[in-house]
Amino acid sequence: MTRSVLYVPGDAPEKLTRALRSGADELIVDLEDAVPPDSRDAARREVAGRLREVAAGAVPLLWVRVNPGEQGIRDAAAVALPGVAGVVAAKARDPAGLAALGRTLAAAEHEHGLAEGTFGIIPLIESAGAVLLAPRLARAPRVVRLQLGEADLRAELGVDPGPDGRELLHVRSRIVLAAAAAGIRPPVAPVSTDVRDPEGLRESTRAFARLGFRGRACIHPAQIPVVNEVFTPSPEEVDRAREVVTRFREALAAGTAVCLDGRGRLIDEAVVRRARRLLATAEAYGRP
C-alpha cells in the first residue's frame, strides 16, 4: 500500500539520505527529467554506488526512474540491485519497450542471485499514445502499477486544466480503469508543482482519491504529510467500516445477505469488500 512517493534527483546524492527520513512511503530516484542530459551517465554511476550503500537498510521502497529507450536499458542494468524495488519507465510508450526492460531486470536478478520477479516495473503514462495503450501496458510482465505524469501530456494535448482538473478527467479515469482491469495495484496520481499551497494540494489529492487513485507523487518533502493524511483512513472512516463489517456478519448469521447501516444505507458484499479494504489500509498505517 502506498500513499506518498517522493522524487529525488539522481544527481544530488545528499538528498537521497535526507529523503530516507522524509516520511514518504516510497522514493523514486530520478535519472531522467531531474538530471541535465549531459550529466545522466555520471548520475547513473553515482546513483548505483549510493544505492549499494543504502538500499539494503532502506525503510521506504526505492525505485529508480530510468530514461526512455536504450539509455533506460543501461540505467536499469546499473541500478537493479538488491534492496531496490524496480524501475519507473519514463515516457512508457509500448509493451515492447517494457519487455526489453524486463529482460534487463531478469538478467540482474540472475546476476545477484535474486528470485525471479524481484524487480517490478511502473510505466509512467505521459503521452497520448501511452494513455490509449494503458490497458496493454498494465498487463505487461512485471508491471505492478501505473503512474500518471501530466506535464508532458498537457503539452502534447494543448490542455490547460482549470482548478478542478476536469479537462483531464477522461485520462485519469482511463488509467484507473486500466489498472483495475489488469488486476494490478491502483495508480499513483501525478505531482502538484505548487509546493506552497497545502490546501490546494489537499483538495486536489482528495479529488484523485475519489477517482480511485491510491497515492500521489510528490516533488517536495513538505507535500508528504498532506498526501499521507488524505490517503490514511480517518478514525470516523474506520468506525464506519467496522460497523459495516459487523452488521453484515450479523445479517449473514441471521440468514440474509443484505442489511442496512446505521444511516439506512444498503450493505451488501460489494460494500463490505470496500470496508475491509479500508480497514486493511488503516491497519497498515497504524490507524487504530
Protein backbone atom coordinates (compact mmCIF):
# COMPACT_ATOMS: atom_id res chain seq x y z
CA MET A 1 0.00 0.00 0.00
CA THR A 2 1.35 3.39 -0.95
CA ARG A 3 0.25 6.89 -0.07
CA SER A 4 3.20 9.14 -0.92
CA VAL A 5 6.01 8.76 -3.44
CA LEU A 6 8.81 11.33 -3.32
CA TYR A 7 11.02 12.12 -6.31
CA VAL A 8 14.72 12.54 -5.52
CA PRO A 9 17.12 13.99 -8.13
CA GLY A 10 19.68 11.42 -9.18
CA ASP A 11 22.49 13.94 -9.35
CA ALA A 12 22.06 15.05 -5.72
CA PRO A 13 23.07 12.04 -3.58
CA GLU A 14 22.87 14.01 -0.34
CA LYS A 15 19.12 14.48 -0.94
CA LEU A 16 18.61 10.70 -1.01
CA THR A 17 19.96 10.43 2.53
CA ARG A 18 17.52 13.10 3.72
CA ALA A 19 14.65 11.62 1.73
CA LEU A 20 15.00 8.31 3.55
CA ARG A 21 13.77 10.17 6.65
CA SER A 22 11.10 12.24 4.89
CA GLY A 23 8.09 10.13 5.85
CA ALA A 24 7.36 9.11 2.25
CA ASP A 25 6.24 5.53 1.72
CA GLU A 26 8.34 5.21 -1.43
CA LEU A 27 11.14 7.12 -3.13
CA ILE A 28 11.84 7.48 -6.84
CA VAL A 29 15.46 8.32 -7.55
CA ASP A 30 15.22 10.22 -10.83
CA LEU A 31 17.70 9.68 -13.65
CA GLU A 32 15.51 11.41 -16.24
CA ASP A 33 13.95 14.89 -16.10
CA ALA A 34 15.60 15.96 -12.84
CA VAL A 35 19.07 15.42 -14.34
CA PRO A 36 20.54 17.52 -17.20
CA PRO A 37 21.07 15.32 -20.30
CA ASP A 38 24.83 15.79 -20.27
CA SER A 39 25.00 14.61 -16.65
CA ARG A 40 22.91 11.46 -16.90
CA ASP A 41 25.74 8.95 -17.42
CA ALA A 42 27.55 10.34 -14.38
CA ALA A 43 24.32 10.37 -12.38
CA ARG A 44 23.71 6.72 -13.24
CA ARG A 45 27.08 5.75 -11.82
CA GLU A 46 26.56 7.94 -8.75
CA VAL A 47 23.09 6.53 -8.08
CA ALA A 48 24.25 2.92 -8.49
CA GLY A 49 27.00 3.48 -5.96
CA ARG A 50 24.71 5.23 -3.50
CA LEU A 51 22.05 2.53 -3.79
CA ARG A 52 24.60 -0.12 -2.89
CA GLU A 53 25.15 1.76 0.37
CA VAL A 54 21.56 2.49 1.39
CA ALA A 55 19.17 0.09 -0.36
CA ALA A 56 19.56 -2.87 1.97
CA GLY A 57 18.51 -0.85 5.01
CA ALA A 58 16.01 1.48 3.35
CA VAL A 59 12.61 1.82 5.03
CA PRO A 60 10.80 3.48 2.10
CA LEU A 61 10.66 1.34 -1.02
CA LEU A 62 13.26 2.53 -3.50
CA TRP A 63 12.53 2.89 -7.21
CA VAL A 64 14.64 4.44 -9.95
CA ARG A 65 13.12 6.39 -12.83
CA VAL A 66 15.05 5.36 -15.92
CA ASN A 67 15.27 7.14 -19.25
CA PRO A 68 13.39 6.00 -22.35
CA GLY A 69 14.97 3.72 -24.95
CA GLU A 70 18.50 2.33 -24.90
CA GLN A 71 19.64 4.77 -22.24
CA GLY A 72 16.96 3.36 -19.98
CA ILE A 73 18.24 -0.16 -20.57
CA ARG A 74 21.69 0.96 -19.42
CA ASP A 75 20.14 2.71 -16.45
CA ALA A 76 18.21 -0.41 -15.44
CA ALA A 77 21.24 -2.66 -15.73
CA ALA A 78 23.19 -0.39 -13.38
CA VAL A 79 20.56 0.20 -10.70
CA ALA A 80 18.81 -3.19 -10.48
CA LEU A 81 20.47 -4.01 -7.16
CA PRO A 82 19.43 -5.91 -4.02
CA GLY A 83 17.05 -3.76 -1.98
CA VAL A 84 15.72 -1.82 -4.98
CA ALA A 85 12.05 -2.44 -5.78
CA GLY A 86 12.41 -1.85 -9.53
CA VAL A 87 12.28 0.84 -12.16
CA VAL A 88 9.85 3.55 -13.21
CA ALA A 89 9.80 3.60 -17.01
CA ALA A 90 9.77 7.26 -18.04
CA LYS A 91 7.64 8.09 -21.07
CA ALA A 92 6.46 4.49 -21.44
CA ARG A 93 5.08 4.05 -24.95
CA ASP A 94 4.54 0.37 -25.78
CA PRO A 95 4.71 -3.12 -24.27
CA ALA A 96 7.81 -3.94 -26.34
CA GLY A 97 9.81 -1.29 -24.50
CA LEU A 98 8.65 -2.68 -21.16
CA ALA A 99 9.59 -6.19 -22.30
CA ALA A 100 13.14 -5.01 -23.06
CA LEU A 101 13.38 -3.53 -19.57
CA GLY A 102 12.04 -6.78 -18.17
CA ARG A 103 14.79 -8.81 -19.84
CA THR A 104 17.40 -6.50 -18.36
CA LEU A 105 15.87 -6.85 -14.91
CA ALA A 106 15.73 -10.64 -15.26
CA ALA A 107 19.44 -10.70 -16.08
CA ALA A 108 20.16 -8.58 -12.99
CA GLU A 109 18.13 -10.95 -10.81
CA HIS A 110 20.19 -13.86 -12.10
CA GLU A 111 23.43 -11.97 -11.54
CA HIS A 112 22.59 -11.10 -7.94
CA GLY A 113 21.00 -14.45 -7.07
CA LEU A 114 17.56 -12.93 -6.56
CA ALA A 115 14.21 -14.60 -7.09
CA GLU A 116 12.52 -14.18 -10.45
CA GLY A 117 10.18 -11.21 -10.36
CA THR A 118 12.03 -9.39 -7.58
CA PHE A 119 12.23 -6.21 -9.67
CA GLY A 120 8.99 -4.58 -10.76
CA ILE A 121 8.17 -2.02 -13.45
CA ILE A 122 5.99 1.07 -13.14
CA PRO A 123 5.15 2.57 -16.55
CA LEU A 124 4.90 6.35 -16.33
CA ILE A 125 1.99 7.40 -18.56
CA GLU A 126 2.99 10.74 -20.09
CA SER A 127 1.72 10.77 -23.70
CA ALA A 128 -1.49 10.38 -25.66
CA GLY A 129 -0.24 7.11 -27.13
CA ALA A 130 0.51 5.73 -23.68
CA VAL A 131 -2.96 6.69 -22.44
CA LEU A 132 -4.56 4.82 -25.33
CA LEU A 133 -2.29 1.81 -24.71
CA ALA A 134 -2.74 1.87 -20.93
CA PRO A 135 -4.70 -1.43 -20.80
CA ARG A 136 -1.85 -3.23 -22.61
CA LEU A 137 0.86 -1.52 -20.57
CA ALA A 138 -0.91 -2.51 -17.37
CA ARG A 139 -0.87 -6.18 -18.42
CA ALA A 140 2.80 -6.27 -19.42
CA PRO A 141 5.06 -8.62 -17.42
CA ARG A 142 6.49 -7.20 -14.18
CA VAL A 143 4.15 -4.20 -14.17
CA VAL A 144 2.93 -3.67 -10.61
CA ARG A 145 1.06 -0.41 -11.07
CA LEU A 146 0.68 2.58 -13.38
CA GLN A 147 1.69 6.15 -12.63
CA LEU A 148 0.28 9.18 -14.35
CA GLY A 149 2.56 12.06 -15.34
CA GLU A 150 0.65 15.02 -16.71
CA ALA A 151 3.24 17.69 -17.56
CA ASP A 152 4.31 16.16 -20.88
CA LEU A 153 0.77 15.01 -21.58
CA ARG A 154 -0.64 18.51 -21.13
CA ALA A 155 1.94 19.92 -23.53
CA GLU A 156 1.18 17.27 -26.14
CA LEU A 157 -2.58 17.72 -25.89
CA GLY A 158 -2.52 21.50 -25.58
CA VAL A 159 -4.61 21.21 -22.43
CA ASP A 160 -4.52 23.83 -19.67
CA PRO A 161 -6.62 22.40 -16.83
CA GLY A 162 -8.63 24.61 -14.53
CA PRO A 163 -8.71 24.26 -10.74
CA ASP A 164 -10.85 21.12 -10.74
CA GLY A 165 -8.88 19.39 -13.50
CA ARG A 166 -12.00 18.30 -15.38
CA GLU A 167 -10.21 18.74 -18.71
CA LEU A 168 -8.14 15.63 -17.91
CA LEU A 169 -10.87 13.66 -16.15
CA HIS A 170 -11.23 11.19 -19.02
CA VAL A 171 -7.48 10.48 -18.98
CA ARG A 172 -7.35 9.99 -15.23
CA SER A 173 -10.34 7.65 -15.21
CA ARG A 174 -8.90 5.63 -18.09
CA ILE A 175 -5.72 4.96 -16.09
CA VAL A 176 -7.73 3.82 -13.06
CA LEU A 177 -9.85 1.53 -15.26
CA ALA A 178 -6.79 0.04 -16.98
CA ALA A 179 -5.17 -0.82 -13.66
CA ALA A 180 -8.33 -2.36 -12.22
CA ALA A 181 -8.98 -4.42 -15.34
CA ALA A 182 -5.41 -5.77 -15.25
CA GLY A 183 -5.68 -6.68 -11.58
CA ILE A 184 -2.69 -4.60 -10.51
CA ARG A 185 -2.43 -2.02 -7.75
CA PRO A 186 -4.34 1.26 -8.12
CA PRO A 187 -2.35 4.00 -9.88
CA VAL A 188 -0.40 6.82 -8.29
CA ALA A 189 -1.59 10.34 -9.07
CA PRO A 190 0.62 12.98 -10.72
CA VAL A 191 2.58 15.61 -8.86
CA SER A 192 1.44 19.08 -7.94
CA THR A 193 4.11 21.61 -8.87
CA ASP A 194 2.87 24.19 -6.35
CA VAL A 195 4.70 23.42 -3.12
CA ARG A 196 3.35 26.49 -1.27
CA ASP A 197 -0.35 25.67 -1.37
CA PRO A 198 -1.07 22.82 1.07
CA GLU A 199 -4.83 23.38 0.99
CA GLY A 200 -4.89 23.25 -2.80
CA LEU A 201 -2.80 20.08 -2.63
CA ARG A 202 -5.18 18.56 -0.11
CA GLU A 203 -8.25 19.31 -2.21
CA SER A 204 -6.78 18.04 -5.48
CA THR A 205 -5.44 14.91 -3.75
CA ARG A 206 -8.90 14.20 -2.35
CA ALA A 207 -10.27 14.51 -5.88
CA PHE A 208 -7.74 11.95 -7.12
CA ALA A 209 -8.68 9.65 -4.23
CA ARG A 210 -12.36 9.87 -5.19
CA LEU A 211 -11.41 8.85 -8.73
CA GLY A 212 -9.69 5.69 -7.49
CA PHE A 213 -6.04 6.72 -7.21
CA ARG A 214 -4.33 5.35 -4.12
CA GLY A 215 -1.29 7.51 -3.61
CA ARG A 216 0.34 10.56 -5.10
CA ALA A 217 3.79 11.52 -6.32
CA CYS A 218 5.47 14.45 -4.57
CA ILE A 219 8.28 16.76 -5.60
CA HIS A 220 8.99 18.26 -2.17
CA PRO A 221 9.06 16.76 1.35
CA ALA A 222 6.60 19.44 2.53
CA GLN A 223 3.89 17.77 0.41
CA ILE A 224 4.24 14.37 2.08
CA PRO A 225 2.22 14.98 5.29
CA VAL A 226 -0.75 16.32 3.31
CA VAL A 227 -0.75 13.42 0.86
CA ASN A 228 -0.31 10.83 3.65
CA GLU A 229 -3.20 12.39 5.55
CA VAL A 230 -5.56 12.15 2.58
CA PHE A 231 -4.75 8.51 1.87
CA THR A 232 -4.83 7.38 5.52
CA PRO A 233 -8.37 6.50 6.67
CA SER A 234 -9.69 8.80 9.36
CA PRO A 235 -10.94 7.42 12.71
CA GLU A 236 -14.50 8.14 11.58
CA GLU A 237 -14.00 6.17 8.37
CA VAL A 238 -12.52 3.28 10.33
CA ASP A 239 -15.50 3.26 12.70
CA ARG A 240 -17.97 3.22 9.81
CA ALA A 241 -16.09 0.41 8.08
CA ARG A 242 -16.12 -1.68 11.24
CA GLU A 243 -19.84 -1.08 11.59
CA VAL A 244 -20.41 -2.25 8.02
CA VAL A 245 -18.43 -5.46 8.56
CA THR A 246 -20.14 -6.19 11.88
CA ARG A 247 -23.67 -5.58 10.59
CA PHE A 248 -23.04 -7.73 7.52
CA ARG A 249 -21.66 -10.57 9.63
CA GLU A 250 -24.75 -10.40 11.85
CA ALA A 251 -27.01 -10.36 8.78
CA LEU A 252 -25.34 -13.48 7.37
CA ALA A 253 -25.78 -15.22 10.72
CA ALA A 254 -29.47 -14.33 10.54
CA GLY A 255 -29.75 -15.85 7.07
CA THR A 256 -29.71 -12.78 4.81
CA ALA A 257 -27.02 -11.33 2.56
CA VAL A 258 -28.13 -7.69 2.76
CA CYS A 259 -28.83 -5.25 5.57
CA LEU A 260 -28.79 -1.53 6.39
CA ASP A 261 -26.19 0.54 8.20
CA GLY A 262 -26.99 3.00 10.98
CA ARG A 263 -27.93 5.67 8.45
CA GLY A 264 -30.27 3.45 6.49
CA ARG A 265 -27.92 2.68 3.57
CA LEU A 266 -27.77 -0.73 1.95
CA ILE A 267 -24.92 -3.07 2.85
CA ASP A 268 -24.09 -5.96 0.52
CA GLU A 269 -20.97 -7.93 -0.37
CA ALA A 270 -19.54 -5.14 -2.58
CA VAL A 271 -19.89 -2.57 0.23
CA VAL A 272 -18.23 -4.97 2.66
CA ARG A 273 -15.27 -5.56 0.31
CA ARG A 274 -14.63 -1.84 0.25
CA ALA A 275 -14.92 -1.62 4.05
CA ARG A 276 -12.45 -4.46 4.52
CA ARG A 277 -10.01 -2.82 2.11
CA LEU A 278 -10.23 0.42 4.10
CA LEU A 279 -9.61 -1.44 7.36
CA ALA A 280 -6.57 -3.17 5.88
CA THR A 281 -5.20 0.21 4.80
CA ALA A 282 -5.82 1.68 8.25
CA GLU A 283 -4.04 -1.24 9.91
CA ALA A 284 -1.07 -0.94 7.55
CA TYR A 285 -0.55 2.68 8.63
CA GLY A 286 -1.20 2.19 12.33
CA ARG A 287 -4.66 3.69 12.43
CA PRO A 288 -6.43 2.11 15.46
